Amino acid sequence: MERIKAPIRVAAVFEPGRQIRPVCFDWQRRKHTVTEVTYCWKGKSGEDTLLYFAVSDGTALFELIYNTVDQSWTLGGVEAR
C-alpha cells in the first residue's frame, strides 16, 4: 500500500450504536464512492482516538482515518487492484 497521509473530505453516515460508515470521499479532484468497507479498527495517536477504515471504490483499496477529537479525515494510503 502506498502511504499518502493527505487530508480529505468524507461523507459518512453516523448510524445508531456509534457506528460510522464512510459513503464517499474526494481525492485528487475526483469523487470516490465507497462500494465496500472491508475492515475497521481503532488506534491512538497520543491522546487522540483514531478510527481506521479499509474501503474500496471497486477499483482500488483505500485507508481512511477519522480523528475523533478534531473530527478530521485523512487518506492514509491507497492500493490499486
PDB file of N, CA and C in Angstrom:
ATOM      1  N   MET A   1       0.852  -1.180   0.000  1.00  0.00           N
ATOM      2  CA  MET A   1       0.000   0.000   0.000  1.00  0.00           C
ATOM      3  C   MET A   1       0.892   1.236   0.000  1.00  0.00           C
ATOM      4  N   GLU A   2       0.591   2.143  -0.911  1.00  0.00           N
ATOM      5  CA  GLU A   2       1.313   3.409  -0.972  1.00  0.00           C
ATOM      6  C   GLU A   2       0.775   4.349   0.100  1.00  0.00           C
ATOM      7  N   ARG A   3       1.653   4.850   0.962  1.00  0.00           N
ATOM      8  CA  ARG A   3       1.259   5.765   2.027  1.00  0.00           C
ATOM      9  C   ARG A   3       1.039   7.157   1.463  1.00  0.00           C
ATOM     10  N   ILE A   4      -0.075   7.806   1.849  1.00  0.00           N
ATOM     11  CA  ILE A   4      -0.445   9.116   1.329  1.00  0.00           C
ATOM     12  C   ILE A   4      -0.405  10.189   2.428  1.00  0.00           C
ATOM     13  N   LYS A   5      -1.174  10.006   3.490  1.00  0.00           N
ATOM     14  CA  LYS A   5      -1.291  10.972   4.607  1.00  0.00           C
ATOM     15  C   LYS A   5      -1.737  12.353   4.127  1.00  0.00           C
ATOM     16  N   ALA A   6      -2.891  12.415   3.461  1.00  0.00           N
ATOM     17  CA  ALA A   6      -3.433  13.679   2.954  1.00  0.00           C
ATOM     18  C   ALA A   6      -4.805  13.931   3.565  1.00  0.00           C
ATOM     19  N   PRO A   7      -5.083  15.175   3.969  1.00  0.00           N
ATOM     20  CA  PRO A   7      -6.425  15.490   4.464  1.00  0.00           C
ATOM     21  C   PRO A   7      -7.432  15.384   3.317  1.00  0.00           C
ATOM     22  N   ILE A   8      -8.614  14.845   3.614  1.00  0.00           N
ATOM     23  CA  ILE A   8      -9.646  14.668   2.590  1.00  0.00           C
ATOM     24  C   ILE A   8     -11.009  15.025   3.162  1.00  0.00           C
ATOM     25  N   ARG A   9     -11.965  15.237   2.246  1.00  0.00           N
ATOM     26  CA  ARG A   9     -13.372  15.430   2.624  1.00  0.00           C
ATOM     27  C   ARG A   9     -14.070  14.098   2.485  1.00  0.00           C
ATOM     28  N   VAL A  10     -14.851  13.735   3.513  1.00  0.00           N
ATOM     29  CA  VAL A  10     -15.556  12.449   3.512  1.00  0.00           C
ATOM     30  C   VAL A  10     -17.013  12.685   3.866  1.00  0.00           C
ATOM     31  N   ALA A  11     -17.905  12.013   3.142  1.00  0.00           N
ATOM     32  CA  ALA A  11     -19.310  11.960   3.529  1.00  0.00           C
ATOM     33  C   ALA A  11     -19.501  10.623   4.229  1.00  0.00           C
ATOM     34  N   ALA A  12     -20.042  10.682   5.440  1.00  0.00           N
ATOM     35  CA  ALA A  12     -20.213   9.461   6.232  1.00  0.00           C
ATOM     36  C   ALA A  12     -21.581   9.447   6.893  1.00  0.00           C
ATOM     37  N   VAL A  13     -22.063   8.252   7.157  1.00  0.00           N
ATOM     38  CA  VAL A  13     -23.317   8.065   7.869  1.00  0.00           C
ATOM     39  C   VAL A  13     -22.969   7.646   9.297  1.00  0.00           C
ATOM     40  N   PHE A  14     -23.528   8.375  10.255  1.00  0.00           N
ATOM     41  CA  PHE A  14     -23.345   8.031  11.664  1.00  0.00           C
ATOM     42  C   PHE A  14     -24.577   7.244  12.080  1.00  0.00           C
ATOM     43  N   GLU A  15     -24.407   5.937  12.185  1.00  0.00           N
ATOM     44  CA  GLU A  15     -25.514   5.024  12.439  1.00  0.00           C
ATOM     45  C   GLU A  15     -25.737   4.834  13.939  1.00  0.00           C
ATOM     46  N   PRO A  16     -26.902   4.304  14.317  1.00  0.00           N
ATOM     47  CA  PRO A  16     -27.157   4.005  15.724  1.00  0.00           C
ATOM     48  C   PRO A  16     -26.084   3.066  16.282  1.00  0.00           C
ATOM     49  N   GLY A  17     -25.803   3.205  17.555  1.00  0.00           N
ATOM     50  CA  GLY A  17     -24.789   2.366  18.176  1.00  0.00           C
ATOM     51  C   GLY A  17     -23.387   2.911  17.974  1.00  0.00           C
ATOM     52  N   ARG A  18     -23.282   4.190  17.627  1.00  0.00           N
ATOM     53  CA  ARG A  18     -21.997   4.870  17.455  1.00  0.00           C
ATOM     54  C   ARG A  18     -21.159   4.294  16.316  1.00  0.00           C
ATOM     55  N   GLN A  19     -21.815   3.717  15.322  1.00  0.00           N
ATOM     56  CA  GLN A  19     -21.124   3.193  14.147  1.00  0.00           C
ATOM     57  C   GLN A  19     -21.002   4.288  13.091  1.00  0.00           C
ATOM     58  N   ILE A  20     -19.844   4.342  12.425  1.00  0.00           N
ATOM     59  CA  ILE A  20     -19.608   5.302  11.354  1.00  0.00           C
ATOM     60  C   ILE A  20     -19.373   4.507  10.067  1.00  0.00           C
ATOM     61  N   ARG A  21     -20.033   4.940   8.980  1.00  0.00           N
ATOM     62  CA  ARG A  21     -19.864   4.261   7.691  1.00  0.00           C
ATOM     63  C   ARG A  21     -19.536   5.299   6.624  1.00  0.00           C
ATOM     64  N   PRO A  22     -18.271   5.334   6.137  1.00  0.00           N
ATOM     65  CA  PRO A  22     -17.932   6.244   5.050  1.00  0.00           C
ATOM     66  C   PRO A  22     -18.723   5.892   3.788  1.00  0.00           C
ATOM     67  N   VAL A  23     -19.246   6.909   3.110  1.00  0.00           N
ATOM     68  CA  VAL A  23     -20.062   6.700   1.912  1.00  0.00           C
ATOM     69  C   VAL A  23     -19.296   7.099   0.650  1.00  0.00           C
ATOM     70  N   CYS A  24     -18.610   8.239   0.705  1.00  0.00           N
ATOM     71  CA  CYS A  24     -17.799   8.697  -0.422  1.00  0.00           C
ATOM     72  C   CYS A  24     -16.762   9.690   0.093  1.00  0.00           C
ATOM     73  N   PHE A  25     -15.743   9.947  -0.739  1.00  0.00           N
ATOM     74  CA  PHE A  25     -14.717  10.915  -0.368  1.00  0.00           C
ATOM     75  C   PHE A  25     -14.119  11.533  -1.630  1.00  0.00           C
ATOM     76  N   ASP A  26     -13.550  12.728  -1.472  1.00  0.00           N
ATOM     77  CA  ASP A  26     -12.897  13.443  -2.568  1.00  0.00           C
ATOM     78  C   ASP A  26     -11.390  13.301  -2.419  1.00  0.00           C
ATOM     79  N   TRP A  27     -10.738  12.914  -3.522  1.00  0.00           N
ATOM     80  CA  TRP A  27      -9.284  12.834  -3.550  1.00  0.00           C
ATOM     81  C   TRP A  27      -8.821  13.026  -4.988  1.00  0.00           C
ATOM     82  N   GLN A  28      -7.821  13.862  -5.170  1.00  0.00           N
ATOM     83  CA  GLN A  28      -7.274  14.186  -6.488  1.00  0.00           C
ATOM     84  C   GLN A  28      -8.363  14.681  -7.443  1.00  0.00           C
ATOM     85  N   ARG A  29      -9.192  15.591  -6.939  1.00  0.00           N
ATOM     86  CA  ARG A  29     -10.270  16.217  -7.731  1.00  0.00           C
ATOM     87  C   ARG A  29     -11.265  15.205  -8.287  1.00  0.00           C
ATOM     88  N   ARG A  30     -11.412  14.093  -7.568  1.00  0.00           N
ATOM     89  CA  ARG A  30     -12.336  13.057  -8.025  1.00  0.00           C
ATOM     90  C   ARG A  30     -13.116  12.513  -6.830  1.00  0.00           C
ATOM     91  N   LYS A  31     -14.403  12.286  -7.048  1.00  0.00           N
ATOM     92  CA  LYS A  31     -15.245  11.693  -6.016  1.00  0.00           C
ATOM     93  C   LYS A  31     -15.142  10.167  -6.114  1.00  0.00           C
ATOM     94  N   HIS A  32     -14.842   9.536  -4.991  1.00  0.00           N
ATOM     95  CA  HIS A  32     -14.753   8.078  -4.906  1.00  0.00           C
ATOM     96  C   HIS A  32     -15.926   7.588  -4.058  1.00  0.00           C
ATOM     97  N   THR A  33     -16.781   6.789  -4.639  1.00  0.00           N
ATOM     98  CA  THR A  33     -17.915   6.224  -3.918  1.00  0.00           C
ATOM     99  C   THR A  33     -17.488   4.911  -3.282  1.00  0.00           C
ATOM    100  N   VAL A  34     -17.702   4.795  -1.986  1.00  0.00           N
ATOM    101  CA  VAL A  34     -17.333   3.578  -1.256  1.00  0.00           C
ATOM    102  C   VAL A  34     -18.339   2.480  -1.593  1.00  0.00           C
ATOM    103  N   THR A  35     -17.841   1.409  -2.197  1.00  0.00           N
ATOM    104  CA  THR A  35     -18.701   0.274  -2.531  1.00  0.00           C
ATOM    105  C   THR A  35     -18.631  -0.823  -1.479  1.00  0.00           C
ATOM    106  N   GLU A  36     -17.542  -0.798  -0.672  1.00  0.00           N
ATOM    107  CA  GLU A  36     -17.378  -1.832   0.355  1.00  0.00           C
ATOM    108  C   GLU A  36     -16.443  -1.334   1.451  1.00  0.00           C
ATOM    109  N   VAL A  37     -16.832  -1.580   2.690  1.00  0.00           N
ATOM    110  CA  VAL A  37     -15.943  -1.374   3.829  1.00  0.00           C
ATOM    111  C   VAL A  37     -15.439  -2.766   4.197  1.00  0.00           C
ATOM    112  N   THR A  38     -14.138  -2.995   3.986  1.00  0.00           N
ATOM    113  CA  THR A  38     -13.605  -4.345   4.175  1.00  0.00           C
ATOM    114  C   THR A  38     -13.139  -4.619   5.600  1.00  0.00           C
ATOM    115  N   TYR A  39     -12.742  -3.571   6.324  1.00  0.00           N
ATOM    116  CA  TYR A  39     -12.231  -3.779   7.681  1.00  0.00           C
ATOM    117  C   TYR A  39     -12.221  -2.447   8.419  1.00  0.00           C
ATOM    118  N   CYS A  40     -12.449  -2.485   9.733  1.00  0.00           N
ATOM    119  CA  CYS A  40     -12.398  -1.298  10.594  1.00  0.00           C
ATOM    120  C   CYS A  40     -11.585  -1.635  11.838  1.00  0.00           C
ATOM    121  N   TRP A  41     -10.825  -0.664  12.346  1.00  0.00           N
ATOM    122  CA  TRP A  41     -10.096  -0.861  13.588  1.00  0.00           C
ATOM    123  C   TRP A  41      -9.849   0.485  14.251  1.00  0.00           C
ATOM    124  N   LYS A  42      -9.438   0.437  15.502  1.00  0.00           N
ATOM    125  CA  LYS A  42      -9.241   1.632  16.319  1.00  0.00           C
ATOM    126  C   LYS A  42      -7.764   1.740  16.689  1.00  0.00           C
ATOM    127  N   GLY A  43      -7.269   2.978  16.783  1.00  0.00           N
ATOM    128  CA  GLY A  43      -5.884   3.212  17.184  1.00  0.00           C
ATOM    129  C   GLY A  43      -5.778   4.509  17.962  1.00  0.00           C
ATOM    130  N   LYS A  44      -4.561   4.827  18.389  1.00  0.00           N
ATOM    131  CA  LYS A  44      -4.302   6.049  19.142  1.00  0.00           C
ATOM    132  C   LYS A  44      -3.136   6.793  18.511  1.00  0.00           C
ATOM    133  N   SER A  45      -3.194   8.114  18.607  1.00  0.00           N
ATOM    134  CA  SER A  45      -2.078   8.984  18.264  1.00  0.00           C
ATOM    135  C   SER A  45      -1.976   9.979  19.410  1.00  0.00           C
ATOM    136  N   GLY A  46      -1.098   9.701  20.347  1.00  0.00           N
ATOM    137  CA  GLY A  46      -1.060  10.495  21.573  1.00  0.00           C
ATOM    138  C   GLY A  46      -2.341  10.257  22.346  1.00  0.00           C
ATOM    139  N   GLU A  47      -3.075  11.317  22.632  1.00  0.00           N
ATOM    140  CA  GLU A  47      -4.354  11.207  23.337  1.00  0.00           C
ATOM    141  C   GLU A  47      -5.537  11.052  22.387  1.00  0.00           C
ATOM    142  N   ASP A  48      -5.292  11.244  21.084  1.00  0.00           N
ATOM    143  CA  ASP A  48      -6.372  11.186  20.089  1.00  0.00           C
ATOM    144  C   ASP A  48      -6.738   9.741  19.753  1.00  0.00           C
ATOM    145  N   THR A  49      -8.028   9.460  19.671  1.00  0.00           N
ATOM    146  CA  THR A  49      -8.514   8.164  19.199  1.00  0.00           C
ATOM    147  C   THR A  49      -8.750   8.266  17.699  1.00  0.00           C
ATOM    148  N   LEU A  50      -8.188   7.311  16.965  1.00  0.00           N
ATOM    149  CA  LEU A  50      -8.326   7.272  15.519  1.00  0.00           C
ATOM    150  C   LEU A  50      -9.128   6.048  15.125  1.00  0.00           C
ATOM    151  N   LEU A  51     -10.054   6.230  14.184  1.00  0.00           N
ATOM    152  CA  LEU A  51     -10.822   5.121  13.633  1.00  0.00           C
ATOM    153  C   LEU A  51     -10.358   4.906  12.199  1.00  0.00           C
ATOM    154  N   TYR A  52      -9.953   3.688  11.898  1.00  0.00           N
ATOM    155  CA  TYR A  52      -9.426   3.337  10.583  1.00  0.00           C
ATOM    156  C   TYR A  52     -10.467   2.543   9.812  1.00  0.00           C
ATOM    157  N   PHE A  53     -10.565   2.832   8.517  1.00  0.00           N
ATOM    158  CA  PHE A  53     -11.500   2.138   7.639  1.00  0.00           C
ATOM    159  C   PHE A  53     -10.753   1.723   6.377  1.00  0.00           C
ATOM    160  N   ALA A  54     -10.746   0.433   6.077  1.00  0.00           N
ATOM    161  CA  ALA A  54     -10.248  -0.050   4.792  1.00  0.00           C
ATOM    162  C   ALA A  54     -11.459  -0.123   3.882  1.00  0.00           C
ATOM    163  N   VAL A  55     -11.458   0.685   2.818  1.00  0.00           N
ATOM    164  CA  VAL A  55     -12.626   0.773   1.936  1.00  0.00           C
ATOM    165  C   VAL A  55     -12.196   0.592   0.484  1.00  0.00           C
ATOM    166  N   SER A  56     -13.170   0.223  -0.348  1.00  0.00           N
ATOM    167  CA  SER A  56     -12.926   0.061  -1.778  1.00  0.00           C
ATOM    168  C   SER A  56     -13.945   0.875  -2.551  1.00  0.00           C
ATOM    169  N   ASP A  57     -13.500   1.387  -3.698  1.00  0.00           N
ATOM    170  CA  ASP A  57     -14.422   2.041  -4.630  1.00  0.00           C
ATOM    171  C   ASP A  57     -14.667   1.154  -5.845  1.00  0.00           C
ATOM    172  N   GLY A  58     -14.247  -0.097  -5.757  1.00  0.00           N
ATOM    173  CA  GLY A  58     -14.405  -1.037  -6.856  1.00  0.00           C
ATOM    174  C   GLY A  58     -13.174  -1.154  -7.733  1.00  0.00           C
ATOM    175  N   THR A  59     -12.274  -0.167  -7.646  1.00  0.00           N
ATOM    176  CA  THR A  59     -11.050  -0.212  -8.450  1.00  0.00           C
ATOM    177  C   THR A  59      -9.780  -0.175  -7.609  1.00  0.00           C
ATOM    178  N   ALA A  60      -9.872   0.330  -6.382  1.00  0.00           N
ATOM    179  CA  ALA A  60      -8.702   0.442  -5.512  1.00  0.00           C
ATOM    180  C   ALA A  60      -9.128   0.282  -4.058  1.00  0.00           C
ATOM    181  N   LEU A  61      -8.141   0.003  -3.202  1.00  0.00           N
ATOM    182  CA  LEU A  61      -8.359  -0.110  -1.762  1.00  0.00           C
ATOM    183  C   LEU A  61      -7.757   1.126  -1.103  1.00  0.00           C
ATOM    184  N   PHE A  62      -8.507   1.748  -0.192  1.00  0.00           N
ATOM    185  CA  PHE A  62      -8.069   2.970   0.471  1.00  0.00           C
ATOM    186  C   PHE A  62      -8.125   2.787   1.980  1.00  0.00           C
ATOM    187  N   GLU A  63      -7.228   3.470   2.682  1.00  0.00           N
ATOM    188  CA  GLU A  63      -7.279   3.513   4.138  1.00  0.00           C
ATOM    189  C   GLU A  63      -7.706   4.920   4.536  1.00  0.00           C
ATOM    190  N   LEU A  64      -8.904   5.041   5.119  1.00  0.00           N
ATOM    191  CA  LEU A  64      -9.420   6.315   5.607  1.00  0.00           C
ATOM    192  C   LEU A  64      -9.264   6.343   7.112  1.00  0.00           C
ATOM    193  N   ILE A  65      -8.856   7.491   7.651  1.00  0.00           N
ATOM    194  CA  ILE A  65      -8.626   7.631   9.085  1.00  0.00           C
ATOM    195  C   ILE A  65      -9.461   8.794   9.600  1.00  0.00           C
ATOM    196  N   TYR A  66     -10.278   8.514  10.617  1.00  0.00           N
ATOM    197  CA  TYR A  66     -11.110   9.542  11.242  1.00  0.00           C
ATOM    198  C   TYR A  66     -10.565   9.839  12.629  1.00  0.00           C
ATOM    199  N   ASN A  67     -10.223  11.117  12.892  1.00  0.00           N
ATOM    200  CA  ASN A  67      -9.754  11.555  14.201  1.00  0.00           C
ATOM    201  C   ASN A  67     -10.980  11.996  15.003  1.00  0.00           C
ATOM    202  N   THR A  68     -11.285  11.279  16.077  1.00  0.00           N
ATOM    203  CA  THR A  68     -12.493  11.574  16.846  1.00  0.00           C
ATOM    204  C   THR A  68     -12.384  12.851  17.665  1.00  0.00           C
ATOM    205  N   VAL A  69     -11.174  13.350  17.881  1.00  0.00           N
ATOM    206  CA  VAL A  69     -11.005  14.561  18.679  1.00  0.00           C
ATOM    207  C   VAL A  69     -11.288  15.808  17.840  1.00  0.00           C
ATOM    208  N   ASP A  70     -10.593  15.944  16.700  1.00  0.00           N
ATOM    209  CA  ASP A  70     -10.820  17.142  15.880  1.00  0.00           C
ATOM    210  C   ASP A  70     -11.774  16.893  14.704  1.00  0.00           C
ATOM    211  N   GLN A  71     -12.314  15.679  14.632  1.00  0.00           N
ATOM    212  CA  GLN A  71     -13.309  15.283  13.629  1.00  0.00           C
ATOM    213  C   GLN A  71     -12.821  15.512  12.198  1.00  0.00           C
ATOM    214  N   SER A  72     -11.548  15.200  11.968  1.00  0.00           N
ATOM    215  CA  SER A  72     -10.968  15.334  10.638  1.00  0.00           C
ATOM    216  C   SER A  72     -10.742  13.959  10.013  1.00  0.00           C
ATOM    217  N   TRP A  73     -10.676  13.936   8.684  1.00  0.00           N
ATOM    218  CA  TRP A  73     -10.431  12.710   7.927  1.00  0.00           C
ATOM    219  C   TRP A  73      -9.097  12.832   7.191  1.00  0.00           C
ATOM    220  N   THR A  74      -8.379  11.709   7.125  1.00  0.00           N
ATOM    221  CA  THR A  74      -7.107  11.638   6.418  1.00  0.00           C
ATOM    222  C   THR A  74      -7.107  10.400   5.537  1.00  0.00           C
ATOM    223  N   LEU A  75      -6.569  10.534   4.329  1.00  0.00           N
ATOM    224  CA  LEU A  75      -6.333   9.374   3.481  1.00  0.00           C
ATOM    225  C   LEU A  75      -4.963   8.836   3.873  1.00  0.00           C
ATOM    226  N   GLY A  76      -4.959   7.653   4.482  1.00  0.00           N
ATOM    227  CA  GLY A  76      -3.711   7.072   4.969  1.00  0.00           C
ATOM    228  C   GLY A  76      -2.914   6.375   3.882  1.00  0.00           C
ATOM    229  N   GLY A  77      -3.619   5.783   2.912  1.00  0.00           N
ATOM    230  CA  GLY A  77      -2.931   5.076   1.851  1.00  0.00           C
ATOM    231  C   GLY A  77      -3.886   4.579   0.786  1.00  0.00           C
ATOM    232  N   VAL A  78      -3.286   4.118  -0.320  1.00  0.00           N
ATOM    233  CA  VAL A  78      -4.081   3.596  -1.435  1.00  0.00           C
ATOM    234  C   VAL A  78      -3.322   2.432  -2.059  1.00  0.00           C
ATOM    235  N   GLU A  79      -4.079   1.435  -2.483  1.00  0.00           N
ATOM    236  CA  GLU A  79      -3.505   0.279  -3.177  1.00  0.00           C
ATOM    237  C   GLU A  79      -4.380  -0.045  -4.384  1.00  0.00           C
ATOM    238  N   ALA A  80      -3.800   0.096  -5.571  1.00  0.00           N
ATOM    239  CA  ALA A  80      -4.542  -0.209  -6.801  1.00  0.00           C
ATOM    240  C   ALA A  80      -4.683  -1.727  -6.919  1.00  0.00           C
ATOM    241  N   ARG A  81      -5.838  -2.154  -7.394  1.00  0.00           N
ATOM    242  CA  ARG A  81      -6.068  -3.597  -7.568  1.00  0.00           C
ATOM    243  C   ARG A  81      -5.599  -4.049  -8.911  1.00  0.00           C
TER     244      ARG A  81
END
